[in-house]
Amino acid sequence: MPGADAAAALLPGFSINLHCCLFSGTQQLSLQVTGGAGQFADATGSFSGTVSGRALLARNPDGSCSFTQVPRLEVDKFAESGTLSF
């Protein structure tokens, strides 16, 4: 893509290589559990961890990366730890 940067910065921890339409990102996460359904109605707990992912974006007819089509390939990894009581 003439005149385009090789990579576009999104939110911190996320990027897109505009030459090969490869998205990658890593984000820290924190979850609080306060109740649920059925036998988990009194569930409480907390979790923290990291989610990371890579996706090969589809291309538009003009060759640019598509942000509206479903990615051609996506791999996500969740690594979490915490406690849950019910």
PDB file of N, CA and C in Angstrom:
ATOM      1  N   MET A   1       0.839  -1.159   0.000  1.00  0.00           N
ATOM      2  CA  MET A   1       0.000   0.000   0.000  1.00  0.00           C
ATOM      3  C   MET A   1       0.892   1.231   0.000  1.00  0.00           C
ATOM      4  N   PRO A   2       0.998   1.907  -1.109  1.00  0.00           N
ATOM      5  CA  PRO A   2       1.855   3.079  -1.194  1.00  0.00           C
ATOM      6  C   PRO A   2       1.447   4.134  -0.177  1.00  0.00           C
ATOM      7  N   GLY A   3       2.418   4.706   0.496  1.00  0.00           N
ATOM      8  CA  GLY A   3       2.163   5.776   1.447  1.00  0.00           C
ATOM      9  C   GLY A   3       1.682   5.314   2.807  1.00  0.00           C
ATOM     10  N   ALA A   4       1.518   4.019   3.023  1.00  0.00           N
ATOM     11  CA  ALA A   4       1.030   3.517   4.314  1.00  0.00           C
ATOM     12  C   ALA A   4       2.209   3.104   5.177  1.00  0.00           C
ATOM     13  N   ASP A   5       2.046   3.248   6.471  1.00  0.00           N
ATOM     14  CA  ASP A   5       3.065   2.778   7.409  1.00  0.00           C
ATOM     15  C   ASP A   5       3.060   1.258   7.421  1.00  0.00           C
ATOM     16  N   ALA A   6       4.204   0.673   7.768  1.00  0.00           N
ATOM     17  CA  ALA A   6       4.308  -0.784   7.813  1.00  0.00           C
ATOM     18  C   ALA A   6       3.485  -1.376   8.945  1.00  0.00           C
ATOM     19  N   ALA A   7       3.297  -0.620  10.010  1.00  0.00           N
ATOM     20  CA  ALA A   7       2.525  -1.116  11.143  1.00  0.00           C
ATOM     21  C   ALA A   7       1.660   0.013  11.684  1.00  0.00           C
ATOM     22  N   ALA A   8       0.493  -0.341  12.099  1.00  0.00           N
ATOM     23  CA  ALA A   8      -0.418   0.642  12.676  1.00  0.00           C
ATOM     24  C   ALA A   8      -0.559   0.347  14.158  1.00  0.00           C
ATOM     25  N   ALA A   9      -0.454   1.365  14.990  1.00  0.00           N
ATOM     26  CA  ALA A   9      -0.619   1.191  16.430  1.00  0.00           C
ATOM     27  C   ALA A   9      -2.084   1.362  16.786  1.00  0.00           C
ATOM     28  N   LEU A  10      -2.586   0.477  17.610  1.00  0.00           N
ATOM     29  CA  LEU A  10      -3.961   0.553  18.085  1.00  0.00           C
ATOM     30  C   LEU A  10      -3.901   0.933  19.551  1.00  0.00           C
ATOM     31  N   LEU A  11      -4.559   0.213  20.387  1.00  0.00           N
ATOM     32  CA  LEU A  11      -4.457   0.396  21.825  1.00  0.00           C
ATOM     33  C   LEU A  11      -3.115  -0.158  22.289  1.00  0.00           C
ATOM     34  N   PRO A  12      -2.620   0.273  23.445  1.00  0.00           N
ATOM     35  CA  PRO A  12      -1.360  -0.293  23.940  1.00  0.00           C
ATOM     36  C   PRO A  12      -1.428  -1.817  23.988  1.00  0.00           C
ATOM     37  N   GLY A  13      -0.405  -2.471  23.492  1.00  0.00           N
ATOM     38  CA  GLY A  13      -0.356  -3.930  23.471  1.00  0.00           C
ATOM     39  C   GLY A  13      -0.907  -4.559  22.208  1.00  0.00           C
ATOM     40  N   PHE A  14      -1.442  -3.754  21.277  1.00  0.00           N
ATOM     41  CA  PHE A  14      -2.016  -4.272  20.038  1.00  0.00           C
ATOM     42  C   PHE A  14      -1.339  -3.609  18.841  1.00  0.00           C
ATOM     43  N   SER A  15      -1.157  -4.355  17.758  1.00  0.00           N
ATOM     44  CA  SER A  15      -0.586  -3.779  16.535  1.00  0.00           C
ATOM     45  C   SER A  15      -1.065  -4.553  15.316  1.00  0.00           C
ATOM     46  N   ILE A  16      -0.945  -3.928  14.172  1.00  0.00           N
ATOM     47  CA  ILE A  16      -1.273  -4.558  12.893  1.00  0.00           C
ATOM     48  C   ILE A  16      -0.157  -4.270  11.912  1.00  0.00           C
ATOM     49  N   ASN A  17       0.385  -5.315  11.304  1.00  0.00           N
ATOM     50  CA  ASN A  17       1.343  -5.156  10.220  1.00  0.00           C
ATOM     51  C   ASN A  17       0.523  -5.005   8.943  1.00  0.00           C
ATOM     52  N   LEU A  18       0.538  -3.825   8.357  1.00  0.00           N
ATOM     53  CA  LEU A  18      -0.305  -3.538   7.199  1.00  0.00           C
ATOM     54  C   LEU A  18       0.190  -4.184   5.908  1.00  0.00           C
ATOM     55  N   HIS A  19       1.447  -4.647   5.877  1.00  0.00           N
ATOM     56  CA  HIS A  19       1.945  -5.321   4.675  1.00  0.00           C
ATOM     57  C   HIS A  19       1.397  -6.738   4.560  1.00  0.00           C
ATOM     58  N   CYS A  20       1.334  -7.442   5.687  1.00  0.00           N
ATOM     59  CA  CYS A  20       0.848  -8.832   5.643  1.00  0.00           C
ATOM     60  C   CYS A  20      -0.487  -8.996   6.355  1.00  0.00           C
ATOM     61  N   CYS A  21      -1.079  -7.902   6.837  1.00  0.00           N
ATOM     62  CA  CYS A  21      -2.382  -7.916   7.516  1.00  0.00           C
ATOM     63  C   CYS A  21      -2.402  -8.835   8.734  1.00  0.00           C
ATOM     64  N   LEU A  22      -1.319  -8.801   9.514  1.00  0.00           N
ATOM     65  CA  LEU A  22      -1.229  -9.625  10.711  1.00  0.00           C
ATOM     66  C   LEU A  22      -1.497  -8.760  11.935  1.00  0.00           C
ATOM     67  N   PHE A  23      -2.546  -9.116  12.671  1.00  0.00           N
ATOM     68  CA  PHE A  23      -2.891  -8.453  13.924  1.00  0.00           C
ATOM     69  C   PHE A  23      -2.267  -9.240  15.062  1.00  0.00           C
ATOM     70  N   SER A  24      -1.723  -8.555  16.052  1.00  0.00           N
ATOM     71  CA  SER A  24      -1.251  -9.234  17.262  1.00  0.00           C
ATOM     72  C   SER A  24      -1.510  -8.335  18.463  1.00  0.00           C
ATOM     73  N   GLY A  25      -1.740  -8.969  19.593  1.00  0.00           N
ATOM     74  CA  GLY A  25      -2.000  -8.191  20.787  1.00  0.00           C
ATOM     75  C   GLY A  25      -1.948  -9.019  22.045  1.00  0.00           C
ATOM     76  N   THR A  26      -1.664  -8.333  23.138  1.00  0.00           N
ATOM     77  CA  THR A  26      -1.639  -8.942  24.465  1.00  0.00           C
ATOM     78  C   THR A  26      -2.278  -7.968  25.430  1.00  0.00           C
ATOM     79  N   GLN A  27      -3.116  -8.490  26.314  1.00  0.00           N
ATOM     80  CA  GLN A  27      -3.807  -7.629  27.269  1.00  0.00           C
ATOM     81  C   GLN A  27      -3.900  -8.331  28.608  1.00  0.00           C
ATOM     82  N   GLN A  28      -3.635  -7.609  29.686  1.00  0.00           N
ATOM     83  CA  GLN A  28      -3.829  -8.120  31.035  1.00  0.00           C
ATOM     84  C   GLN A  28      -5.323  -8.083  31.347  1.00  0.00           C
ATOM     85  N   LEU A  29      -5.798  -9.039  32.159  1.00  0.00           N
ATOM     86  CA  LEU A  29      -7.209  -9.040  32.523  1.00  0.00           C
ATOM     87  C   LEU A  29      -7.381  -9.373  33.989  1.00  0.00           C
ATOM     88  N   SER A  30      -8.490  -8.926  34.529  1.00  0.00           N
ATOM     89  CA  SER A  30      -8.843  -9.177  35.917  1.00  0.00           C
ATOM     90  C   SER A  30     -10.352  -9.405  35.977  1.00  0.00           C
ATOM     91  N   LEU A  31     -10.781 -10.467  36.636  1.00  0.00           N
ATOM     92  CA  LEU A  31     -12.196 -10.821  36.715  1.00  0.00           C
ATOM     93  C   LEU A  31     -12.626 -11.008  38.161  1.00  0.00           C
ATOM     94  N   GLN A  32     -13.808 -10.540  38.485  1.00  0.00           N
ATOM     95  CA  GLN A  32     -14.426 -10.769  39.780  1.00  0.00           C
ATOM     96  C   GLN A  32     -15.685 -11.610  39.558  1.00  0.00           C
ATOM     97  N   VAL A  33     -15.858 -12.661  40.340  1.00  0.00           N
ATOM     98  CA  VAL A  33     -17.043 -13.511  40.263  1.00  0.00           C
ATOM     99  C   VAL A  33     -17.920 -13.198  41.464  1.00  0.00           C
ATOM    100  N   THR A  34     -19.172 -12.860  41.206  1.00  0.00           N
ATOM    101  CA  THR A  34     -20.127 -12.586  42.286  1.00  0.00           C
ATOM    102  C   THR A  34     -21.465 -13.216  41.922  1.00  0.00           C
ATOM    103  N   GLY A  35     -21.581 -14.500  42.188  1.00  0.00           N
ATOM    104  CA  GLY A  35     -22.839 -15.198  41.945  1.00  0.00           C
ATOM    105  C   GLY A  35     -22.896 -15.854  40.587  1.00  0.00           C
ATOM    106  N   GLY A  36     -23.974 -16.583  40.394  1.00  0.00           N
ATOM    107  CA  GLY A  36     -24.197 -17.310  39.160  1.00  0.00           C
ATOM    108  C   GLY A  36     -25.585 -17.904  39.177  1.00  0.00           C
ATOM    109  N   ALA A  37     -25.763 -19.000  38.464  1.00  0.00           N
ATOM    110  CA  ALA A  37     -27.068 -19.654  38.365  1.00  0.00           C
ATOM    111  C   ALA A  37     -26.993 -21.048  38.985  1.00  0.00           C
ATOM    112  N   GLY A  38     -28.129 -21.515  39.463  1.00  0.00           N
ATOM    113  CA  GLY A  38     -28.207 -22.879  40.000  1.00  0.00           C
ATOM    114  C   GLY A  38     -27.271 -23.080  41.170  1.00  0.00           C
ATOM    115  N   GLN A  39     -26.479 -24.148  41.119  1.00  0.00           N
ATOM    116  CA  GLN A  39     -25.572 -24.468  42.221  1.00  0.00           C
ATOM    117  C   GLN A  39     -24.467 -23.437  42.384  1.00  0.00           C
ATOM    118  N   PHE A  40     -24.314 -22.522  41.431  1.00  0.00           N
ATOM    119  CA  PHE A  40     -23.284 -21.485  41.506  1.00  0.00           C
ATOM    120  C   PHE A  40     -23.845 -20.142  41.972  1.00  0.00           C
ATOM    121  N   ALA A  41     -25.071 -20.129  42.507  1.00  0.00           N
ATOM    122  CA  ALA A  41     -25.719 -18.878  42.918  1.00  0.00           C
ATOM    123  C   ALA A  41     -24.887 -18.093  43.939  1.00  0.00           C
ATOM    124  N   ASP A  42     -24.166 -18.783  44.805  1.00  0.00           N
ATOM    125  CA  ASP A  42     -23.364 -18.109  45.830  1.00  0.00           C
ATOM    126  C   ASP A  42     -21.873 -18.064  45.475  1.00  0.00           C
ATOM    127  N   ALA A  43     -21.546 -18.251  44.235  1.00  0.00           N
ATOM    128  CA  ALA A  43     -20.138 -18.274  43.825  1.00  0.00           C
ATOM    129  C   ALA A  43     -19.475 -16.924  44.033  1.00  0.00           C
ATOM    130  N   THR A  44     -18.238 -16.968  44.509  1.00  0.00           N
ATOM    131  CA  THR A  44     -17.410 -15.771  44.648  1.00  0.00           C
ATOM    132  C   THR A  44     -15.988 -16.128  44.266  1.00  0.00           C
ATOM    133  N   GLY A  45     -15.256 -15.157  43.807  1.00  0.00           N
ATOM    134  CA  GLY A  45     -13.859 -15.405  43.476  1.00  0.00           C
ATOM    135  C   GLY A  45     -13.277 -14.298  42.637  1.00  0.00           C
ATOM    136  N   SER A  46     -12.015 -14.465  42.320  1.00  0.00           N
ATOM    137  CA  SER A  46     -11.327 -13.504  41.471  1.00  0.00           C
ATOM    138  C   SER A  46     -10.258 -14.229  40.659  1.00  0.00           C
ATOM    139  N   PHE A  47     -10.022 -13.717  39.471  1.00  0.00           N
ATOM    140  CA  PHE A  47      -9.031 -14.277  38.562  1.00  0.00           C
ATOM    141  C   PHE A  47      -8.242 -13.137  37.937  1.00  0.00           C
ATOM    142  N   SER A  48      -6.998 -13.406  37.592  1.00  0.00           N
ATOM    143  CA  SER A  48      -6.207 -12.455  36.831  1.00  0.00           C
ATOM    144  C   SER A  48      -5.366 -13.243  35.843  1.00  0.00           C
ATOM    145  N   GLY A  49      -4.945 -12.583  34.799  1.00  0.00           N
ATOM    146  CA  GLY A  49      -4.142 -13.269  33.804  1.00  0.00           C
ATOM    147  C   GLY A  49      -3.903 -12.427  32.581  1.00  0.00           C
ATOM    148  N   THR A  50      -3.611 -13.127  31.497  1.00  0.00           N
ATOM    149  CA  THR A  50      -3.253 -12.489  30.240  1.00  0.00           C
ATOM    150  C   THR A  50      -3.982 -13.175  29.098  1.00  0.00           C
ATOM    151  N   VAL A  51      -4.445 -12.396  28.156  1.00  0.00           N
ATOM    152  CA  VAL A  51      -4.976 -12.934  26.907  1.00  0.00           C
ATOM    153  C   VAL A  51      -4.108 -12.375  25.781  1.00  0.00           C
ATOM    154  N   SER A  52      -3.714 -13.253  24.872  1.00  0.00           N
ATOM    155  CA  SER A  52      -2.934 -12.816  23.717  1.00  0.00           C
ATOM    156  C   SER A  52      -3.518 -13.466  22.479  1.00  0.00           C
ATOM    157  N   GLY A  53      -3.354 -12.810  21.375  1.00  0.00           N
ATOM    158  CA  GLY A  53      -3.912 -13.345  20.141  1.00  0.00           C
ATOM    159  C   GLY A  53      -3.197 -12.838  18.907  1.00  0.00           C
ATOM    160  N   ARG A  54      -3.339 -13.609  17.855  1.00  0.00           N
ATOM    161  CA  ARG A  54      -2.836 -13.234  16.533  1.00  0.00           C
ATOM    162  C   ARG A  54      -3.919 -13.575  15.531  1.00  0.00           C
ATOM    163  N   ALA A  55      -4.061 -12.735  14.532  1.00  0.00           N
ATOM    164  CA  ALA A  55      -5.070 -12.981  13.501  1.00  0.00           C
ATOM    165  C   ALA A  55      -4.531 -12.524  12.154  1.00  0.00           C
ATOM    166  N   LEU A  56      -4.772 -13.340  11.148  1.00  0.00           N
ATOM    167  CA  LEU A  56      -4.459 -12.964   9.775  1.00  0.00           C
ATOM    168  C   LEU A  56      -5.733 -12.388   9.187  1.00  0.00           C
ATOM    169  N   LEU A  57      -5.742 -11.071   8.996  1.00  0.00           N
ATOM    170  CA  LEU A  57      -6.934 -10.394   8.508  1.00  0.00           C
ATOM    171  C   LEU A  57      -7.173 -10.688   7.035  1.00  0.00           C
ATOM    172  N   ALA A  58      -8.433 -10.706   6.643  1.00  0.00           N
ATOM    173  CA  ALA A  58      -8.787 -10.832   5.224  1.00  0.00           C
ATOM    174  C   ALA A  58      -8.403  -9.533   4.531  1.00  0.00           C
ATOM    175  N   ARG A  59      -8.394  -9.553   3.196  1.00  0.00           N
ATOM    176  CA  ARG A  59      -8.064  -8.355   2.421  1.00  0.00           C
ATOM    177  C   ARG A  59      -9.289  -7.867   1.660  1.00  0.00           C
ATOM    178  N   ASN A  60      -9.342  -6.558   1.500  1.00  0.00           N
ATOM    179  CA  ASN A  60     -10.348  -5.924   0.654  1.00  0.00           C
ATOM    180  C   ASN A  60      -9.953  -6.106  -0.801  1.00  0.00           C
ATOM    181  N   PRO A  61     -10.874  -5.905  -1.749  1.00  0.00           N
ATOM    182  CA  PRO A  61     -10.539  -6.050  -3.169  1.00  0.00           C
ATOM    183  C   PRO A  61      -9.354  -5.194  -3.618  1.00  0.00           C
ATOM    184  N   ASP A  62      -9.131  -4.051  -2.940  1.00  0.00           N
ATOM    185  CA  ASP A  62      -8.001  -3.191  -3.324  1.00  0.00           C
ATOM    186  C   ASP A  62      -6.680  -3.627  -2.690  1.00  0.00           C
ATOM    187  N   GLY A  63      -6.690  -4.732  -1.912  1.00  0.00           N
ATOM    188  CA  GLY A  63      -5.472  -5.250  -1.306  1.00  0.00           C
ATOM    189  C   GLY A  63      -5.226  -4.768   0.111  1.00  0.00           C
ATOM    190  N   SER A  64      -6.000  -3.817   0.603  1.00  0.00           N
ATOM    191  CA  SER A  64      -5.830  -3.323   1.970  1.00  0.00           C
ATOM    192  C   SER A  64      -6.393  -4.336   2.968  1.00  0.00           C
ATOM    193  N   CYS A  65      -5.986  -4.200   4.209  1.00  0.00           N
ATOM    194  CA  CYS A  65      -6.471  -5.086   5.270  1.00  0.00           C
ATOM    195  C   CYS A  65      -7.927  -4.768   5.588  1.00  0.00           C
ATOM    196  N   SER A  66      -8.740  -5.798   5.731  1.00  0.00           N
ATOM    197  CA  SER A  66     -10.152  -5.606   6.052  1.00  0.00           C
ATOM    198  C   SER A  66     -10.369  -5.697   7.550  1.00  0.00           C
ATOM    199  N   PHE A  67     -11.061  -4.694   8.093  1.00  0.00           N
ATOM    200  CA  PHE A  67     -11.398  -4.690   9.510  1.00  0.00           C
ATOM    201  C   PHE A  67     -12.862  -5.062   9.725  1.00  0.00           C
ATOM    202  N   THR A  68     -13.571  -5.412   8.654  1.00  0.00           N
ATOM    203  CA  THR A  68     -14.983  -5.771   8.761  1.00  0.00           C
ATOM    204  C   THR A  68     -15.245  -7.239   8.440  1.00  0.00           C
ATOM    205  N   GLN A  69     -14.362  -7.885   7.702  1.00  0.00           N
ATOM    206  CA  GLN A  69     -14.540  -9.295   7.382  1.00  0.00           C
ATOM    207  C   GLN A  69     -13.985 -10.171   8.505  1.00  0.00           C
ATOM    208  N   VAL A  70     -14.450 -11.400   8.565  1.00  0.00           N
ATOM    209  CA  VAL A  70     -13.938 -12.369   9.524  1.00  0.00           C
ATOM    210  C   VAL A  70     -12.481 -12.666   9.179  1.00  0.00           C
ATOM    211  N   PRO A  71     -11.574 -12.716  10.179  1.00  0.00           N
ATOM    212  CA  PRO A  71     -10.174 -13.039   9.890  1.00  0.00           C
ATOM    213  C   PRO A  71     -10.049 -14.399   9.208  1.00  0.00           C
ATOM    214  N   ARG A  72      -9.028 -14.538   8.397  1.00  0.00           N
ATOM    215  CA  ARG A  72      -8.782 -15.822   7.729  1.00  0.00           C
ATOM    216  C   ARG A  72      -8.313 -16.874   8.720  1.00  0.00           C
ATOM    217  N   LEU A  73      -7.597 -16.439   9.747  1.00  0.00           N
ATOM    218  CA  LEU A  73      -7.077 -17.342  10.776  1.00  0.00           C
ATOM    219  C   LEU A  73      -6.934 -16.545  12.068  1.00  0.00           C
ATOM    220  N   GLU A  74      -7.281 -17.161  13.193  1.00  0.00           N
ATOM    221  CA  GLU A  74      -7.131 -16.496  14.491  1.00  0.00           C
ATOM    222  C   GLU A  74      -6.741 -17.527  15.537  1.00  0.00           C
ATOM    223  N   VAL A  75      -5.769 -17.173  16.384  1.00  0.00           N
ATOM    224  CA  VAL A  75      -5.349 -18.024  17.484  1.00  0.00           C
ATOM    225  C   VAL A  75      -5.303 -17.149  18.731  1.00  0.00           C
ATOM    226  N   ASP A  76      -6.008 -17.566  19.787  1.00  0.00           N
ATOM    227  CA  ASP A  76      -6.045 -16.826  21.046  1.00  0.00           C
ATOM    228  C   ASP A  76      -5.543 -17.730  22.168  1.00  0.00           C
ATOM    229  N   LYS A  77      -4.876 -17.118  23.135  1.00  0.00           N
ATOM    230  CA  LYS A  77      -4.360 -17.870  24.279  1.00  0.00           C
ATOM    231  C   LYS A  77      -4.758 -17.130  25.553  1.00  0.00           C
ATOM    232  N   PHE A  78      -5.371 -17.853  26.471  1.00  0.00           N
ATOM    233  CA  PHE A  78      -5.763 -17.308  27.770  1.00  0.00           C
ATOM    234  C   PHE A  78      -4.939 -18.005  28.841  1.00  0.00           C
ATOM    235  N   ALA A  79      -4.300 -17.241  29.707  1.00  0.00           N
ATOM    236  CA  ALA A  79      -3.549 -17.793  30.841  1.00  0.00           C
ATOM    237  C   ALA A  79      -4.058 -17.071  32.082  1.00  0.00           C
ATOM    238  N   GLU A  80      -4.801 -17.765  32.916  1.00  0.00           N
ATOM    239  CA  GLU A  80      -5.428 -17.159  34.085  1.00  0.00           C
ATOM    240  C   GLU A  80      -5.197 -18.007  35.323  1.00  0.00           C
ATOM    241  N   SER A  81      -5.250 -17.355  36.473  1.00  0.00           N
ATOM    242  CA  SER A  81      -5.216 -18.080  37.737  1.00  0.00           C
ATOM    243  C   SER A  81      -6.070 -17.317  38.740  1.00  0.00           C
ATOM    244  N   GLY A  82      -6.580 -18.036  39.730  1.00  0.00           N
ATOM    245  CA  GLY A  82      -7.413 -17.394  40.731  1.00  0.00           C
ATOM    246  C   GLY A  82      -8.107 -18.404  41.612  1.00  0.00           C
ATOM    247  N   THR A  83      -9.129 -17.920  42.313  1.00  0.00           N
ATOM    248  CA  THR A  83      -9.869 -18.783  43.226  1.00  0.00           C
ATOM    249  C   THR A  83     -11.368 -18.661  42.936  1.00  0.00           C
ATOM    250  N   LEU A  84     -12.091 -19.742  43.209  1.00  0.00           N
ATOM    251  CA  LEU A  84     -13.547 -19.760  43.053  1.00  0.00           C
ATOM    252  C   LEU A  84     -14.122 -20.595  44.186  1.00  0.00           C
ATOM    253  N   SER A  85     -15.066 -20.018  44.898  1.00  0.00           N
ATOM    254  CA  SER A  85     -15.760 -20.722  45.979  1.00  0.00           C
ATOM    255  C   SER A  85     -17.246 -20.729  45.694  1.00  0.00           C
ATOM    256  N   PHE A  86     -17.893 -21.867  45.989  1.00  0.00           N
ATOM    257  CA  PHE A  86     -19.358 -21.929  45.832  1.00  0.00           C
ATOM    258  C   PHE A  86     -19.955 -22.946  46.780  1.00  0.00           C
TER     259      PHE A  86
END
